[in-house]
Amino acid sequence: MDNEYIRFENVRKEFPGVVALSDISFSVRKGEVHALLGENGAGKSTLLNILHGVFHATSGHVYIDGKETRFSSTYDAITQGVIKVHQEVQVVENLTVGQNIALGFEMVKGGFLDYKDVYAKCDGILEELGCSFRSADPVTGLGVGDLQMIAIAKSLYFNANIISFDEPTSALSAPEIEKLFEIIRGLKAKGITILFISHKLDELFAICDRVTIFRDGMCIATKEMTETSNEDLIHMMVGRDVSSYAVRLQPSCADYSEVVLETKNLCGKTFEDISFKLYRGEILGFSGLVGARRTEVMRTIFGADPLESGEIYLHGSKVDIDSTEKALVYGIGLISEDRKREGFIPSMSNNRNVNIPGMGKYKKGMLGLLDEKEMLDNFNNHAEMVKLNIRDPEYFTLNLSGGNQQKVIVAKWLSTKVDILIFDEPTKGVDVGAKAEIYKLMEDFVAEGKSIIMVSSELPEVIGMSDRVIVMREGHINGVLENKQDFTEVNILSYAMEEKES
């Protein structure tokens, strides 16, 4: 093919008992932005790991610029200009921003590390990215969005000829995303080849030239972005109709005669005057851009962060929720947006992660030994309920795909019998197929007379799943949409981006 730069030829990867990739063959042009699209577990990340030297293919070949390539390590790949920006950002907390960016590739003068030149180079990149922090600043205390920008800066620190981005915008605001896209367009103009993974189809159409679709470890097709559509891509990914994406399949269960939770003038460190009502059987959507402080409000309601002033009522009675343990006693659960750090314990199995909130009820006898059979029964019931793909109770949750990790977390909270469940970015980094399954679980939950607060940055999700929508801006409620006909992107974004008239 003309201008071919990367070619995957009959690539196969086997793990014990699993074929992760089967006969993958396609090409990437030099200087294009090429999307890899598919459900979690479809093989996208496995292929990138082979390209970047994380592990080797069982069989098949990878060619770069006409030469067969087999990197011995990620370090080897980086030294040859092949760099990856990971979805889950990992930093060394006791180092500065600049030290994290240059880690492993520091400049040396006279046998000593020369951080003056490193910082100067890194600060230029951070300024280009529009970051408010600089190289000498500590990474401790930076938010998820800031950490993602550090990962992107790290990729720009090297003179790369191939950069792969794995969900780079998942924690970025709209202006930050547009800035990233400007940077990617600039890299493309220089002839740098970009591989781009995202589950946000609008991003693919905005930035990518072509897309290769994966399903079940196989390459389904490669398409020009100008010659395909959302519906076509989803159909090729999962073989199901686009109507399964962010659409309520059951009638609304909201009972507006019964208030289950009410907040009055809540104030925290980063938000103020938060007042709203949640009704029985309702899915209440919270929308807003990054920095709107929706997550901080939810953490405060859940008792994870301190409440400075204001009142919380459950079923008409004032309550004092100053810990997550109290929130659970009151029947409130929180599914965090940060799966890896707050959703589950990495060193634990699926069984333990699902059962950990209710561990106390499984203690039996004077010695307090755990009733393993009862725990296993609970795990099996809820693994079936959420359609967990790998239902081995002793399988480590950390090794599951992102979508299945989210299912474990949902199963954990469903097993607690909470009446109010806060979903903070319920489908972040989750493929279309797993999204549809999570949406069904949400609908089943409210059908039982329970209630959901859903924080989401995806407008189709907010519009499709919510009974009402509250829009926040910079720590305030800036708008409330009560009627479905008002749930439009224009309305929501206008509240999220513009000052409310006094």
Protein backbone atom coordinates (compact mmCIF):
# COMPACT_ATOMS: atom_id res chain seq x y z
CA MET A 1 0.00 0.00 0.00
CA ASP A 2 1.16 3.59 -0.61
CA ASN A 3 3.11 5.20 2.21
CA GLU A 4 2.94 2.09 4.42
CA TYR A 5 4.96 2.56 7.61
CA ILE A 6 3.80 -0.08 10.12
CA ARG A 7 2.66 -3.52 8.98
CA PHE A 8 1.28 -6.28 11.17
CA GLU A 9 1.45 -9.62 9.36
CA ASN A 10 -0.38 -12.71 10.72
CA VAL A 11 0.30 -11.68 14.34
CA ARG A 12 -0.87 -14.22 16.91
CA LYS A 13 -0.55 -14.07 20.68
CA GLU A 14 -1.40 -16.91 23.03
CA PHE A 15 -1.52 -16.86 26.81
CA PRO A 16 -2.07 -20.05 28.83
CA GLY A 17 -5.51 -21.24 27.79
CA VAL A 18 -6.34 -18.02 25.88
CA VAL A 19 -5.79 -16.86 22.29
CA ALA A 20 -5.61 -13.07 22.67
CA LEU A 21 -4.79 -12.33 19.01
CA SER A 22 -5.51 -14.50 16.00
CA ASP A 23 -3.93 -13.78 12.59
CA ILE A 24 -3.89 -9.97 12.83
CA SER A 25 -2.90 -8.34 9.54
CA PHE A 26 -3.24 -4.66 8.60
CA SER A 27 -1.07 -1.64 7.79
CA VAL A 28 -0.66 1.91 9.10
CA ARG A 29 0.43 4.75 6.87
CA LYS A 30 3.26 7.08 7.78
CA GLY A 31 2.03 10.31 9.32
CA GLU A 32 -1.59 9.22 9.79
CA VAL A 33 -3.71 9.06 12.93
CA HIS A 34 -4.92 5.47 12.96
CA ALA A 35 -7.62 4.37 15.42
CA LEU A 36 -7.81 0.92 17.02
CA LEU A 37 -11.40 0.21 18.02
CA GLY A 38 -12.99 -2.73 19.79
CA GLU A 39 -14.52 -3.96 23.02
CA ASN A 40 -12.35 -4.42 26.10
CA GLY A 41 -10.55 -7.72 25.62
CA ALA A 42 -10.80 -7.52 21.83
CA GLY A 43 -7.00 -7.41 21.50
CA LYS A 44 -6.16 -3.74 20.94
CA SER A 45 -3.88 -3.31 23.95
CA THR A 46 -2.29 -6.72 23.40
CA LEU A 47 -1.26 -5.66 19.89
CA LEU A 48 0.17 -2.39 21.18
CA ASN A 49 2.09 -4.27 23.87
CA ILE A 50 3.69 -6.38 21.15
CA LEU A 51 4.55 -3.26 19.15
CA HIS A 52 6.10 -1.60 22.22
CA GLY A 53 8.14 -4.58 23.37
CA VAL A 54 6.12 -5.45 26.49
CA PHE A 55 5.97 -9.02 25.21
CA HIS A 56 6.53 -10.90 21.97
CA ALA A 57 4.06 -12.36 19.51
CA THR A 58 3.63 -16.12 19.56
CA SER A 59 3.90 -16.01 15.78
CA GLY A 60 3.71 -13.48 12.96
CA HIS A 61 5.73 -10.37 12.13
CA VAL A 62 5.79 -6.62 12.75
CA TYR A 63 7.47 -4.34 10.22
CA ILE A 64 8.39 -0.68 10.69
CA ASP A 65 9.49 1.25 7.62
CA GLY A 66 9.97 -2.03 5.75
CA LYS A 67 12.20 -3.66 8.39
CA GLU A 68 11.06 -6.47 10.68
CA THR A 69 11.03 -5.20 14.26
CA ARG A 70 11.09 -7.09 17.55
CA PHE A 71 11.84 -4.84 20.51
CA SER A 72 13.36 -6.56 23.53
CA SER A 73 11.74 -4.15 26.02
CA THR A 74 9.80 -0.90 26.28
CA TYR A 75 13.12 0.85 26.90
CA ASP A 76 14.40 -0.57 23.61
CA ALA A 77 11.26 0.71 21.86
CA ILE A 78 11.54 4.18 23.39
CA THR A 79 15.20 4.54 22.35
CA GLN A 80 14.06 3.86 18.79
CA GLY A 81 11.26 6.40 18.92
CA VAL A 82 8.27 4.13 19.58
CA ILE A 83 6.42 5.48 22.61
CA LYS A 84 3.14 4.70 24.37
CA VAL A 85 0.87 6.91 26.46
CA HIS A 86 -0.94 4.55 28.82
CA GLN A 87 -4.57 4.79 29.92
CA GLU A 88 -3.71 4.23 33.59
CA VAL A 89 -1.14 6.87 34.52
CA GLN A 90 1.57 5.72 36.90
CA VAL A 91 3.96 8.20 38.53
CA VAL A 92 6.58 8.10 41.27
CA GLU A 93 4.90 10.19 43.96
CA ASN A 94 8.08 11.39 45.69
CA LEU A 95 9.58 12.81 42.48
CA THR A 96 8.84 16.10 40.76
CA VAL A 97 6.86 16.48 37.56
CA GLY A 98 10.04 16.93 35.50
CA GLN A 99 11.76 13.96 37.12
CA ASN A 100 8.76 11.78 36.25
CA ILE A 101 8.72 12.95 32.64
CA ALA A 102 12.44 12.25 32.11
CA LEU A 103 12.62 9.15 34.34
CA GLY A 104 15.15 6.68 32.94
CA PHE A 105 16.39 9.13 30.28
CA GLU A 106 17.87 11.94 32.37
CA MET A 107 20.65 14.16 31.03
CA VAL A 108 24.06 13.68 32.65
CA LYS A 109 26.90 16.18 32.94
CA GLY A 110 30.19 15.32 34.63
CA GLY A 111 28.70 12.13 36.01
CA PHE A 112 25.78 13.96 37.68
CA LEU A 113 22.14 14.25 36.67
CA ASP A 114 21.51 17.61 35.02
CA TYR A 115 17.96 18.56 35.97
CA LYS A 116 18.41 22.17 34.90
CA ASP A 117 18.32 21.23 31.22
CA VAL A 118 15.68 18.54 31.85
CA TYR A 119 13.40 21.05 33.56
CA ALA A 120 13.91 23.63 30.84
CA LYS A 121 12.92 21.13 28.15
CA CYS A 122 9.97 19.80 30.16
CA ASP A 123 8.67 23.26 31.01
CA GLY A 124 8.54 24.11 27.32
CA ILE A 125 6.39 21.02 26.70
CA LEU A 126 4.12 21.71 29.70
CA GLU A 127 3.62 25.27 28.51
CA GLU A 128 2.74 23.99 25.03
CA LEU A 129 0.16 21.67 26.61
CA GLY A 130 -1.33 24.56 28.56
CA CYS A 131 -0.57 23.01 31.96
CA SER A 132 -0.71 25.22 35.05
CA PHE A 133 2.03 23.25 36.84
CA ARG A 134 5.74 23.10 36.01
CA SER A 135 8.66 20.67 36.16
CA ALA A 136 9.85 21.56 39.66
CA ASP A 137 6.40 20.98 41.19
CA PRO A 138 5.72 17.73 43.10
CA VAL A 139 3.27 15.29 41.52
CA THR A 140 1.65 14.61 44.91
CA GLY A 141 -1.77 16.21 45.01
CA LEU A 142 -2.22 16.53 41.25
CA GLY A 143 -5.56 15.37 39.89
CA VAL A 144 -6.25 12.59 37.41
CA GLY A 145 -6.40 15.06 34.53
CA ASP A 146 -3.04 16.56 35.47
CA LEU A 147 -1.44 13.12 35.66
CA GLN A 148 -2.75 12.35 32.17
CA MET A 149 -1.14 15.54 30.88
CA ILE A 150 2.17 14.46 32.45
CA ALA A 151 1.94 11.17 30.53
CA ILE A 152 1.33 13.06 27.31
CA ALA A 153 4.24 15.41 28.07
CA LYS A 154 6.46 12.37 28.62
CA SER A 155 5.69 11.15 25.09
CA LEU A 156 6.60 14.57 23.66
CA TYR A 157 9.86 14.64 25.64
CA PHE A 158 11.37 12.16 23.18
CA ASN A 159 11.85 12.57 19.46
CA ALA A 160 9.25 9.96 18.61
CA ASN A 161 8.35 8.68 15.17
CA ILE A 162 5.49 6.49 16.45
CA ILE A 163 3.26 7.40 19.41
CA SER A 164 0.33 5.32 20.61
CA PHE A 165 -2.33 6.92 22.78
CA ASP A 166 -4.46 4.60 24.93
CA GLU A 167 -7.60 6.51 26.04
CA PRO A 168 -5.62 9.79 26.42
CA THR A 169 -8.70 12.00 26.87
CA SER A 170 -10.51 10.00 29.55
CA ALA A 171 -9.71 12.52 32.30
CA LEU A 172 -9.41 15.72 30.25
CA SER A 173 -11.80 18.64 29.92
CA ALA A 174 -13.11 19.77 26.53
CA PRO A 175 -10.50 22.57 26.17
CA GLU A 176 -7.73 20.14 27.16
CA ILE A 177 -8.98 17.60 24.61
CA GLU A 178 -9.00 20.20 21.86
CA LYS A 179 -5.47 21.25 22.86
CA LEU A 180 -4.36 17.62 22.70
CA PHE A 181 -5.92 17.25 19.26
CA GLU A 182 -4.05 20.37 18.10
CA ILE A 183 -0.83 18.76 19.31
CA ILE A 184 -1.66 15.48 17.56
CA ARG A 185 -2.38 17.36 14.32
CA GLY A 186 0.98 19.08 14.70
CA LEU A 187 2.74 15.74 15.21
CA LYS A 188 0.97 14.36 12.15
CA ALA A 189 2.13 17.36 10.10
CA LYS A 190 5.72 16.48 11.06
CA GLY A 191 5.26 12.95 9.69
CA ILE A 192 4.87 11.25 13.09
CA THR A 193 2.59 8.22 13.03
CA ILE A 194 -0.13 8.07 15.70
CA LEU A 195 -2.03 5.02 16.95
CA PHE A 196 -5.11 6.12 18.87
CA ILE A 197 -7.37 4.03 21.13
CA SER A 198 -10.62 5.58 22.35
CA HIS A 199 -14.15 4.38 23.07
CA LYS A 200 -15.49 7.85 22.25
CA LEU A 201 -16.53 7.60 18.64
CA ASP A 202 -16.85 11.36 18.18
CA GLU A 203 -13.13 11.65 19.01
CA LEU A 204 -12.24 9.14 16.30
CA PHE A 205 -14.16 11.11 13.70
CA ALA A 206 -12.58 14.36 14.93
CA ILE A 207 -8.92 13.30 14.88
CA CYS A 208 -8.40 9.98 13.05
CA ASP A 209 -7.81 9.26 9.37
CA ARG A 210 -8.60 5.54 9.43
CA VAL A 211 -9.80 2.93 11.91
CA THR A 212 -9.11 -0.78 12.36
CA ILE A 213 -11.85 -2.67 14.19
CA PHE A 214 -11.06 -5.62 16.49
CA ARG A 215 -13.45 -8.27 17.76
CA ASP A 216 -12.58 -11.34 19.84
CA GLY A 217 -8.88 -11.10 19.03
CA MET A 218 -9.44 -10.80 15.29
CA CYS A 219 -9.12 -7.92 12.83
CA ILE A 220 -12.59 -7.28 11.38
CA ALA A 221 -11.88 -4.43 8.95
CA THR A 222 -9.93 -1.23 8.28
CA LYS A 223 -12.02 1.75 7.18
CA GLU A 224 -11.50 5.35 6.14
CA MET A 225 -13.19 7.54 8.74
CA THR A 226 -14.87 9.51 5.96
CA GLU A 227 -16.48 6.34 4.63
CA THR A 228 -18.05 4.95 7.81
CA SER A 229 -20.50 5.92 10.58
CA ASN A 230 -21.13 5.39 14.28
CA GLU A 231 -23.68 2.70 13.49
CA ASP A 232 -21.31 0.84 11.17
CA LEU A 233 -18.46 0.89 13.68
CA ILE A 234 -20.59 -0.32 16.59
CA HIS A 235 -22.08 -3.09 14.47
CA MET A 236 -18.61 -4.28 13.43
CA MET A 237 -17.37 -4.12 17.04
CA VAL A 238 -20.12 -6.01 18.78
CA GLY A 239 -22.55 -7.33 16.16
CA ARG A 240 -25.49 -5.66 17.88
CA ASP A 241 -27.69 -2.72 16.94
CA VAL A 242 -26.62 0.82 17.85
CA SER A 243 -29.88 1.20 19.79
CA SER A 244 -28.26 -0.68 22.70
CA TYR A 245 -26.00 2.31 23.32
CA ALA A 246 -27.18 4.67 26.10
CA VAL A 247 -30.89 4.10 25.55
CA ARG A 248 -33.40 3.26 28.28
CA LEU A 249 -34.98 -0.09 27.47
CA GLN A 250 -37.52 0.06 30.32
CA PRO A 251 -40.06 2.76 31.26
CA SER A 252 -38.93 5.29 33.86
CA CYS A 253 -39.44 4.08 37.43
CA ALA A 254 -39.09 7.51 39.04
CA ASP A 255 -41.69 8.20 41.73
CA TYR A 256 -41.68 11.97 42.22
CA SER A 257 -43.96 11.72 45.27
CA GLU A 258 -41.16 10.18 47.37
CA VAL A 259 -37.87 11.98 48.10
CA VAL A 260 -35.21 9.50 49.24
CA LEU A 261 -32.28 11.92 49.52
CA GLU A 262 -32.12 15.69 49.78
CA THR A 263 -29.15 18.01 50.16
CA LYS A 264 -29.50 21.57 51.40
CA ASN A 265 -26.78 24.15 50.79
CA LEU A 266 -23.87 21.69 50.93
CA CYS A 267 -20.47 23.38 51.04
CA GLY A 268 -17.08 21.72 50.82
CA LYS A 269 -13.54 22.78 50.09
CA THR A 270 -14.17 23.11 46.33
CA PHE A 271 -17.95 23.55 46.01
CA GLU A 272 -20.78 25.48 47.64
CA ASP A 273 -24.55 25.77 47.91
CA ILE A 274 -25.36 22.34 46.49
CA SER A 275 -29.09 21.67 46.91
CA PHE A 276 -31.02 18.94 45.12
CA LYS A 277 -33.50 16.09 45.59
CA LEU A 278 -33.24 12.44 44.54
CA TYR A 279 -36.48 10.51 44.11
CA ARG A 280 -37.36 6.86 44.52
CA GLY A 281 -36.64 4.85 41.37
CA GLU A 282 -34.85 7.74 39.68
CA ILE A 283 -31.63 7.92 37.68
CA LEU A 284 -30.45 11.47 38.36
CA GLY A 285 -27.72 12.58 35.98
CA PHE A 286 -24.95 14.99 37.01
CA SER A 287 -23.22 16.60 34.02
CA GLY A 288 -20.45 19.18 33.69
CA LEU A 289 -16.93 19.63 32.41
CA VAL A 290 -13.77 18.55 34.23
CA GLY A 291 -13.38 20.96 37.16
CA ALA A 292 -17.11 21.19 37.81
CA ARG A 293 -16.47 19.37 41.14
CA ARG A 294 -19.20 16.76 40.72
CA THR A 295 -16.97 14.01 42.11
CA GLU A 296 -16.12 16.09 45.18
CA VAL A 297 -19.82 16.56 45.94
CA MET A 298 -20.47 12.82 45.67
CA ARG A 299 -17.48 11.93 47.87
CA THR A 300 -18.82 14.31 50.51
CA ILE A 301 -22.31 12.79 50.42
CA PHE A 302 -20.66 9.38 50.77
CA GLY A 303 -18.61 10.53 53.78
CA ALA A 304 -15.24 10.18 52.04
CA ASP A 305 -14.56 13.94 52.20
CA PRO A 306 -15.52 16.35 55.00
CA LEU A 307 -18.67 18.49 54.81
CA GLU A 308 -17.98 22.10 55.81
CA SER A 309 -21.62 23.15 56.06
CA GLY A 310 -25.08 22.21 54.84
CA GLU A 311 -27.48 19.37 55.56
CA ILE A 312 -28.25 15.90 54.19
CA TYR A 313 -31.66 14.25 54.60
CA LEU A 314 -32.62 10.63 53.99
CA HIS A 315 -36.35 9.91 53.72
CA GLY A 316 -37.03 13.26 55.41
CA SER A 317 -34.71 12.75 58.37
CA LYS A 318 -31.49 14.70 58.82
CA VAL A 319 -28.40 12.49 58.93
CA ASP A 320 -24.74 13.04 59.79
CA ILE A 321 -22.53 11.10 57.34
CA ASP A 322 -18.95 11.64 58.44
CA SER A 323 -17.50 8.35 57.20
CA THR A 324 -17.97 5.84 54.42
CA GLU A 325 -18.96 3.26 57.03
CA LYS A 326 -21.87 5.45 58.07
CA ALA A 327 -22.88 5.95 54.44
CA LEU A 328 -23.06 2.19 54.00
CA VAL A 329 -25.16 1.84 57.17
CA TYR A 330 -27.55 4.43 55.71
CA GLY A 331 -27.74 2.45 52.46
CA ILE A 332 -25.54 4.64 50.23
CA GLY A 333 -22.84 3.23 47.95
CA LEU A 334 -20.30 4.93 45.68
CA ILE A 335 -18.70 3.50 42.55
CA SER A 336 -15.61 5.67 42.12
CA GLU A 337 -14.39 6.96 38.77
CA ASP A 338 -10.88 5.79 39.72
CA ARG A 339 -11.28 2.00 39.47
CA LYS A 340 -7.66 1.10 40.08
CA ARG A 341 -7.11 3.14 43.24
CA GLU A 342 -10.54 3.20 44.85
CA GLY A 343 -12.77 0.60 43.18
CA PHE A 344 -11.11 -2.64 44.25
CA ILE A 345 -8.07 -4.01 46.08
CA PRO A 346 -5.44 -5.09 43.49
CA SER A 347 -4.01 -7.85 45.69
CA MET A 348 -7.40 -9.51 46.11
CA SER A 349 -9.39 -12.04 44.07
CA ASN A 350 -12.76 -11.45 42.44
CA ASN A 351 -14.41 -13.28 45.33
CA ARG A 352 -12.80 -11.13 48.01
CA ASN A 353 -13.39 -7.85 46.13
CA VAL A 354 -17.10 -8.58 45.67
CA ASN A 355 -17.54 -9.60 49.32
CA ILE A 356 -15.32 -7.10 51.12
CA PRO A 357 -17.99 -4.46 51.99
CA GLY A 358 -20.08 -7.09 53.80
CA MET A 359 -17.22 -9.13 55.20
CA GLY A 360 -18.49 -8.74 58.74
CA LYS A 361 -21.70 -10.65 58.09
CA TYR A 362 -19.73 -13.72 56.97
CA LYS A 363 -17.90 -14.12 60.30
CA LYS A 364 -19.07 -17.21 62.16
CA GLY A 365 -18.49 -18.59 65.65
CA MET A 366 -16.36 -17.43 68.54
CA LEU A 367 -13.21 -17.22 66.43
CA GLY A 368 -14.81 -15.07 63.76
CA LEU A 369 -13.81 -17.36 60.91
CA LEU A 370 -15.24 -16.49 57.50
CA ASP A 371 -18.00 -18.62 56.01
CA GLU A 372 -16.26 -19.29 52.69
CA LYS A 373 -19.22 -21.21 51.23
CA GLU A 374 -21.63 -18.35 51.85
CA MET A 375 -19.14 -15.88 50.36
CA LEU A 376 -18.67 -18.09 47.29
CA ASP A 377 -22.44 -18.37 46.83
CA ASN A 378 -22.75 -14.58 47.04
CA PHE A 379 -19.94 -14.12 44.52
CA ASN A 380 -21.43 -16.62 42.06
CA ASN A 381 -24.88 -15.03 42.28
CA HIS A 382 -23.60 -11.53 41.60
CA ALA A 383 -21.04 -12.59 38.98
CA GLU A 384 -23.96 -14.12 37.08
CA MET A 385 -26.05 -10.99 37.63
CA VAL A 386 -23.41 -8.67 36.12
CA LYS A 387 -22.36 -11.20 33.43
CA LEU A 388 -18.71 -11.23 34.54
CA ASN A 389 -16.69 -12.77 31.70
CA ILE A 390 -14.13 -14.53 33.91
CA ARG A 391 -16.13 -15.98 36.81
CA ASP A 392 -13.24 -17.74 38.51
CA PRO A 393 -13.62 -16.54 42.14
CA GLU A 394 -9.84 -16.77 42.71
CA TYR A 395 -8.93 -14.79 39.57
CA PHE A 396 -7.29 -11.46 40.49
CA THR A 397 -9.52 -8.51 39.61
CA LEU A 398 -6.44 -6.51 38.60
CA ASN A 399 -5.90 -8.85 35.63
CA LEU A 400 -9.40 -8.35 34.20
CA SER A 401 -10.18 -5.95 31.37
CA GLY A 402 -11.48 -2.51 32.37
CA GLY A 403 -15.09 -3.42 31.61
CA ASN A 404 -14.94 -6.56 33.71
CA GLN A 405 -13.22 -4.72 36.56
CA GLN A 406 -16.17 -2.34 36.55
CA LYS A 407 -18.56 -5.29 36.67
CA VAL A 408 -16.78 -6.62 39.77
CA ILE A 409 -17.18 -3.22 41.43
CA VAL A 410 -20.87 -3.05 40.50
CA ALA A 411 -21.34 -6.61 41.84
CA LYS A 412 -19.65 -5.56 45.09
CA TRP A 413 -22.14 -2.76 45.71
CA LEU A 414 -25.17 -4.72 44.55
CA SER A 415 -24.28 -7.39 47.13
CA THR A 416 -24.52 -4.79 49.95
CA LYS A 417 -28.24 -4.19 49.33
CA VAL A 418 -27.77 -0.39 49.27
CA ASP A 419 -30.82 1.72 48.31
CA ILE A 420 -28.91 4.64 46.78
CA LEU A 421 -25.98 4.02 44.45
CA ILE A 422 -23.74 6.78 43.16
CA PHE A 423 -22.15 5.87 39.81
CA ASP A 424 -19.21 8.21 39.16
CA GLU A 425 -18.34 7.80 35.45
CA PRO A 426 -19.94 4.32 35.30
CA THR A 427 -18.63 3.46 31.83
CA LYS A 428 -15.31 5.35 31.74
CA GLY A 429 -12.87 3.37 29.57
CA VAL A 430 -15.51 0.69 28.99
CA ASP A 431 -16.38 -0.69 25.56
CA VAL A 432 -19.81 -0.41 23.96
CA GLY A 433 -20.83 -3.98 24.77
CA ALA A 434 -19.99 -3.67 28.47
CA LYS A 435 -21.70 -0.27 28.55
CA ALA A 436 -24.99 -1.80 27.41
CA GLU A 437 -24.73 -4.43 30.16
CA ILE A 438 -24.00 -1.80 32.83
CA TYR A 439 -26.94 0.29 31.62
CA LYS A 440 -29.21 -2.75 31.99
CA LEU A 441 -27.95 -3.29 35.54
CA MET A 442 -28.74 0.35 36.34
CA GLU A 443 -32.27 -0.03 34.99
CA ASP A 444 -32.81 -3.26 36.93
CA PHE A 445 -31.57 -1.50 40.09
CA VAL A 446 -34.09 1.36 39.90
CA ALA A 447 -36.84 -1.06 38.87
CA GLU A 448 -36.54 -2.46 42.41
CA GLY A 449 -37.48 0.97 43.80
CA LYS A 450 -33.89 2.00 44.46
CA SER A 451 -32.22 5.19 43.20
CA ILE A 452 -29.09 6.19 41.28
CA ILE A 453 -27.04 9.36 41.03
CA MET A 454 -25.01 9.10 37.81
CA VAL A 455 -22.03 11.39 37.28
CA SER A 456 -20.98 11.26 33.63
CA SER A 457 -18.90 13.28 31.20
CA GLU A 458 -20.43 11.50 28.19
CA LEU A 459 -23.36 13.52 26.91
CA PRO A 460 -25.04 10.58 25.08
CA GLU A 461 -24.97 8.70 28.39
CA VAL A 462 -26.42 11.61 30.35
CA ILE A 463 -29.10 12.26 27.74
CA GLY A 464 -30.00 8.62 27.22
CA MET A 465 -30.01 7.30 30.78
CA SER A 466 -31.16 10.16 33.03
CA ASP A 467 -34.66 10.94 34.31
CA ARG A 468 -33.49 14.45 35.24
CA VAL A 469 -30.16 16.23 34.69
CA ILE A 470 -28.29 18.56 37.02
CA VAL A 471 -25.44 20.51 35.40
CA MET A 472 -22.56 21.80 37.50
CA ARG A 473 -20.00 24.48 36.71
CA GLU A 474 -16.99 25.35 38.87
CA GLY A 475 -18.42 23.98 42.11
CA HIS A 476 -21.98 25.25 41.66
CA ILE A 477 -25.23 23.87 40.28
CA ASN A 478 -25.69 25.91 37.11
CA GLY A 479 -28.81 24.32 35.67
CA VAL A 480 -31.48 21.64 36.18
CA LEU A 481 -33.23 19.93 33.26
CA GLU A 482 -36.53 18.33 34.25
CA ASN A 483 -38.01 17.30 30.90
CA LYS A 484 -36.61 14.78 28.41
CA GLN A 485 -37.23 17.12 25.47
CA ASP A 486 -34.78 19.56 27.06
CA PHE A 487 -31.99 16.96 27.24
CA THR A 488 -29.90 18.24 24.34
CA GLU A 489 -26.16 18.70 23.96
CA VAL A 490 -26.66 22.42 23.37
CA ASN A 491 -28.64 22.88 26.58
CA ILE A 492 -26.29 20.83 28.74
CA LEU A 493 -23.11 22.38 27.36
CA SER A 494 -24.51 25.91 27.67
CA TYR A 495 -25.09 25.32 31.39
CA ALA A 496 -21.70 23.61 31.75
CA MET A 497 -19.73 26.35 29.99
CA GLU A 498 -21.60 29.61 30.66
CA GLU A 499 -22.26 31.66 33.77
CA LYS A 500 -25.83 31.34 35.06
CA GLU A 501 -27.75 34.59 34.86
CA SER A 502 -28.50 36.05 38.28
